[in-house]
N, C-alpha and C. Protein backbone atom coordinates (compact mmCIF):
# COMPACT_ATOMS: atom_id res chain seq x y z
N MET A 1 101.49 79.16 144.61
CA MET A 1 101.96 80.52 144.86
C MET A 1 103.46 80.47 145.15
N PRO A 2 104.16 81.52 144.71
CA PRO A 2 105.61 81.56 144.95
C PRO A 2 105.91 81.73 146.44
N ILE A 3 107.02 81.14 146.81
CA ILE A 3 107.43 81.23 148.21
C ILE A 3 108.65 82.15 148.34
N LEU A 4 109.61 82.00 147.45
CA LEU A 4 110.83 82.82 147.49
C LEU A 4 110.54 84.27 147.11
N LYS A 5 111.33 85.15 147.66
CA LYS A 5 111.18 86.58 147.38
C LYS A 5 111.35 86.87 145.90
N SER A 6 112.36 86.24 145.27
CA SER A 6 112.63 86.48 143.86
C SER A 6 111.49 85.93 142.98
N SER A 7 110.88 84.84 143.42
CA SER A 7 109.76 84.27 142.67
C SER A 7 108.54 85.18 142.74
N LYS A 8 108.35 85.81 143.88
CA LYS A 8 107.23 86.74 144.03
C LYS A 8 107.42 87.95 143.11
N LYS A 9 108.66 88.43 143.07
CA LYS A 9 108.96 89.56 142.21
C LYS A 9 108.76 89.17 140.74
N ALA A 10 109.21 87.98 140.37
CA ALA A 10 109.06 87.50 138.98
C ALA A 10 107.59 87.41 138.62
N LEU A 11 106.75 86.99 139.54
CA LEU A 11 105.32 86.91 139.28
C LEU A 11 104.73 88.30 139.04
N ARG A 12 105.15 89.27 139.87
CA ARG A 12 104.69 90.64 139.69
C ARG A 12 105.11 91.16 138.31
N GLN A 13 106.35 90.90 137.93
CA GLN A 13 106.84 91.36 136.63
C GLN A 13 106.05 90.73 135.49
N ASN A 14 105.79 89.42 135.61
CA ASN A 14 105.05 88.72 134.56
C ASN A 14 103.64 89.27 134.40
N LYS A 15 102.99 89.59 135.51
CA LYS A 15 101.64 90.17 135.43
C LYS A 15 101.66 91.51 134.71
N ARG A 16 102.65 92.35 135.07
CA ARG A 16 102.78 93.67 134.45
C ARG A 16 103.06 93.55 132.96
N ARG A 17 103.97 92.67 132.61
CA ARG A 17 104.34 92.48 131.20
C ARG A 17 103.17 91.91 130.41
N ARG A 18 102.40 91.01 131.01
CA ARG A 18 101.26 90.43 130.32
C ARG A 18 100.24 91.51 130.00
N GLN A 19 100.00 92.40 130.94
CA GLN A 19 99.04 93.49 130.69
C GLN A 19 99.51 94.38 129.53
N THR A 20 100.79 94.71 129.53
CA THR A 20 101.36 95.52 128.44
C THR A 20 101.26 94.82 127.10
N ASN A 21 101.58 93.51 127.11
CA ASN A 21 101.52 92.75 125.86
C ASN A 21 100.10 92.66 125.33
N LEU A 22 99.13 92.42 126.23
CA LEU A 22 97.74 92.32 125.79
C LEU A 22 97.25 93.65 125.23
N LYS A 23 97.65 94.75 125.88
CA LYS A 23 97.25 96.08 125.40
C LYS A 23 97.81 96.35 124.02
N ASN A 24 99.09 96.03 123.84
CA ASN A 24 99.72 96.26 122.54
C ASN A 24 99.17 95.36 121.45
N LEU A 25 98.84 94.12 121.79
CA LEU A 25 98.26 93.20 120.84
C LEU A 25 96.87 93.65 120.42
N LYS A 26 96.12 94.16 121.37
CA LYS A 26 94.77 94.69 121.06
C LYS A 26 94.87 95.89 120.12
N LYS A 27 95.83 96.77 120.39
CA LYS A 27 96.04 97.94 119.54
C LYS A 27 96.39 97.51 118.11
N LEU A 28 97.27 96.51 118.01
CA LEU A 28 97.68 96.00 116.69
C LEU A 28 96.49 95.41 115.94
N ARG A 29 95.69 94.61 116.61
CA ARG A 29 94.54 93.99 115.96
C ARG A 29 93.52 95.03 115.54
N GLU A 30 93.32 96.06 116.36
CA GLU A 30 92.37 97.10 116.02
C GLU A 30 92.78 97.85 114.77
N ILE A 31 94.06 98.21 114.68
CA ILE A 31 94.52 98.98 113.50
C ILE A 31 94.46 98.12 112.25
N ILE A 32 94.75 96.83 112.37
CA ILE A 32 94.68 95.94 111.19
C ILE A 32 93.23 95.78 110.76
N SER A 33 92.32 95.63 111.71
CA SER A 33 90.91 95.47 111.34
C SER A 33 90.35 96.76 110.73
N LYS A 34 90.81 97.91 111.23
CA LYS A 34 90.38 99.17 110.65
C LYS A 34 90.85 99.29 109.20
N TYR A 35 92.10 98.83 108.96
CA TYR A 35 92.65 98.82 107.60
C TYR A 35 91.86 97.88 106.70
N ARG A 36 91.53 96.70 107.21
CA ARG A 36 90.78 95.73 106.40
C ARG A 36 89.37 96.24 106.08
N LYS A 37 88.76 96.95 107.03
CA LYS A 37 87.43 97.53 106.80
C LYS A 37 87.51 98.60 105.70
N ALA A 38 88.59 99.36 105.70
CA ALA A 38 88.77 100.38 104.66
C ALA A 38 88.92 99.70 103.29
N LEU A 39 89.59 98.56 103.26
CA LEU A 39 89.74 97.83 102.00
C LEU A 39 88.41 97.25 101.54
N GLU A 40 87.62 96.72 102.47
CA GLU A 40 86.30 96.16 102.12
C GLU A 40 85.36 97.24 101.59
N ALA A 41 85.52 98.44 102.11
CA ALA A 41 84.69 99.56 101.65
C ALA A 41 85.21 100.18 100.37
N LYS A 42 86.26 99.58 99.81
CA LYS A 42 86.90 100.05 98.58
C LYS A 42 87.39 101.49 98.70
N SER A 43 87.74 101.88 99.92
CA SER A 43 88.26 103.22 100.18
C SER A 43 89.78 103.18 100.12
N GLN A 44 90.32 103.34 98.90
CA GLN A 44 91.76 103.25 98.72
C GLN A 44 92.49 104.39 99.40
N SER A 45 91.93 105.57 99.39
CA SER A 45 92.60 106.70 100.02
C SER A 45 92.71 106.53 101.53
N GLU A 46 91.64 106.00 102.13
CA GLU A 46 91.65 105.76 103.58
C GLU A 46 92.65 104.65 103.92
N ALA A 47 92.72 103.62 103.08
CA ALA A 47 93.65 102.53 103.32
C ALA A 47 95.08 103.00 103.20
N LYS A 48 95.33 103.89 102.23
CA LYS A 48 96.70 104.42 102.03
C LYS A 48 97.12 105.27 103.22
N LYS A 49 96.17 105.95 103.87
CA LYS A 49 96.51 106.74 105.05
C LYS A 49 96.84 105.83 106.22
N LEU A 50 96.18 104.66 106.29
CA LEU A 50 96.35 103.77 107.44
C LEU A 50 97.58 102.87 107.32
N ILE A 51 98.06 102.62 106.10
CA ILE A 51 99.14 101.64 105.93
C ILE A 51 100.42 102.00 106.70
N PRO A 52 100.84 103.27 106.78
CA PRO A 52 102.05 103.56 107.57
C PRO A 52 101.87 103.22 109.07
N THR A 53 100.68 103.48 109.61
CA THR A 53 100.47 103.17 111.01
C THR A 53 100.42 101.64 111.23
N VAL A 54 99.86 100.92 110.25
CA VAL A 54 99.85 99.46 110.35
C VAL A 54 101.27 98.93 110.35
N TYR A 55 102.09 99.43 109.43
CA TYR A 55 103.50 99.00 109.36
C TYR A 55 104.24 99.32 110.65
N LYS A 56 103.98 100.51 111.18
CA LYS A 56 104.65 100.93 112.41
C LYS A 56 104.29 100.01 113.57
N GLN A 57 103.00 99.70 113.70
CA GLN A 57 102.57 98.81 114.80
C GLN A 57 103.13 97.40 114.63
N LEU A 58 103.18 96.91 113.39
CA LEU A 58 103.74 95.57 113.16
C LEU A 58 105.23 95.53 113.49
N ASP A 59 105.95 96.57 113.09
CA ASP A 59 107.39 96.63 113.35
C ASP A 59 107.66 96.71 114.86
N LYS A 60 106.86 97.51 115.57
CA LYS A 60 107.05 97.62 117.00
C LYS A 60 106.75 96.29 117.70
N ALA A 61 105.69 95.63 117.26
CA ALA A 61 105.33 94.37 117.87
C ALA A 61 106.43 93.32 117.65
N ALA A 62 107.03 93.32 116.46
CA ALA A 62 108.10 92.38 116.17
C ALA A 62 109.35 92.73 116.94
N LYS A 63 109.58 94.01 117.13
CA LYS A 63 110.80 94.45 117.84
C LYS A 63 110.79 94.01 119.30
N VAL A 64 109.64 94.11 119.96
CA VAL A 64 109.59 93.77 121.37
C VAL A 64 109.26 92.29 121.60
N GLY A 65 109.04 91.53 120.52
CA GLY A 65 108.81 90.10 120.64
C GLY A 65 107.36 89.70 120.83
N LEU A 66 106.46 90.62 120.56
CA LEU A 66 105.04 90.32 120.66
C LEU A 66 104.63 89.34 119.56
N ILE A 67 105.14 89.56 118.38
CA ILE A 67 104.99 88.62 117.26
C ILE A 67 106.37 88.40 116.67
N LYS A 68 106.52 87.36 115.88
CA LYS A 68 107.83 87.08 115.29
C LYS A 68 108.06 88.01 114.10
N LYS A 69 109.34 88.19 113.78
CA LYS A 69 109.72 89.08 112.70
C LYS A 69 109.15 88.65 111.35
N ASN A 70 109.18 87.34 111.10
CA ASN A 70 108.66 86.84 109.82
C ASN A 70 107.15 87.01 109.72
N LYS A 71 106.45 86.90 110.83
CA LYS A 71 105.02 87.10 110.80
C LYS A 71 104.69 88.53 110.46
N ALA A 72 105.44 89.47 111.04
CA ALA A 72 105.23 90.87 110.74
C ALA A 72 105.48 91.14 109.26
N SER A 73 106.54 90.56 108.75
CA SER A 73 106.89 90.73 107.35
C SER A 73 105.81 90.12 106.44
N ARG A 74 105.32 88.96 106.81
CA ARG A 74 104.29 88.29 106.02
C ARG A 74 103.00 89.09 106.01
N LEU A 75 102.61 89.63 107.16
CA LEU A 75 101.40 90.44 107.24
C LEU A 75 101.53 91.70 106.41
N LYS A 76 102.69 92.35 106.49
CA LYS A 76 102.90 93.57 105.71
C LYS A 76 102.79 93.28 104.24
N SER A 77 103.36 92.17 103.81
CA SER A 77 103.32 91.78 102.41
C SER A 77 101.88 91.54 101.95
N ARG A 78 101.14 90.77 102.72
CA ARG A 78 99.76 90.44 102.36
C ARG A 78 98.84 91.65 102.36
N LEU A 79 99.05 92.53 103.33
CA LEU A 79 98.20 93.73 103.41
C LEU A 79 98.50 94.69 102.26
N SER A 80 99.78 94.77 101.85
CA SER A 80 100.11 95.65 100.72
C SER A 80 99.63 95.08 99.42
N LYS A 81 99.58 93.74 99.30
CA LYS A 81 99.03 93.12 98.09
C LYS A 81 97.56 93.44 97.93
N LYS A 82 96.84 93.47 99.05
CA LYS A 82 95.41 93.75 99.01
C LYS A 82 95.13 95.17 98.52
N ILE A 83 95.94 96.12 98.94
CA ILE A 83 95.71 97.51 98.50
C ILE A 83 96.07 97.64 97.01
N ALA A 84 97.05 96.85 96.56
CA ALA A 84 97.42 96.90 95.13
C ALA A 84 96.33 96.28 94.28
N SER A 85 95.58 95.32 94.82
CA SER A 85 94.54 94.69 94.02
C SER A 85 93.30 95.56 93.87
N LEU A 86 93.19 96.64 94.63
CA LEU A 86 92.05 97.56 94.49
C LEU A 86 92.11 98.38 93.20
N LYS A 87 93.33 98.57 92.70
CA LYS A 87 93.47 99.45 91.53
C LYS A 87 92.82 98.91 90.29
C-alpha cells in the first residue's frame, strides 16, 4: 500500500482510469461483435448502418490510448473488407 500522500492520490487516479478504460473497451468490443454478427447474418444494410459507429469507437479508443493507432487502422481495414466481400 502507498505511504506517501502523492502515491495514495496516484492509486486513486489509476483505479478511476482503469474503470473508464474497461468500460470503453467493453463498449468497443460490443459494437464490433454486433457488427460481426450482422455480417454473419448476411445483413449488409445492418452492417452498413453500424460501420460509422464502429469507426467512431475505434478512432476514440486510439485517440485516448486505449488501443494503438495502427491497430485501429488495421481493424477498420479488415472490417471494411468483410463488408465488401458480401457483395
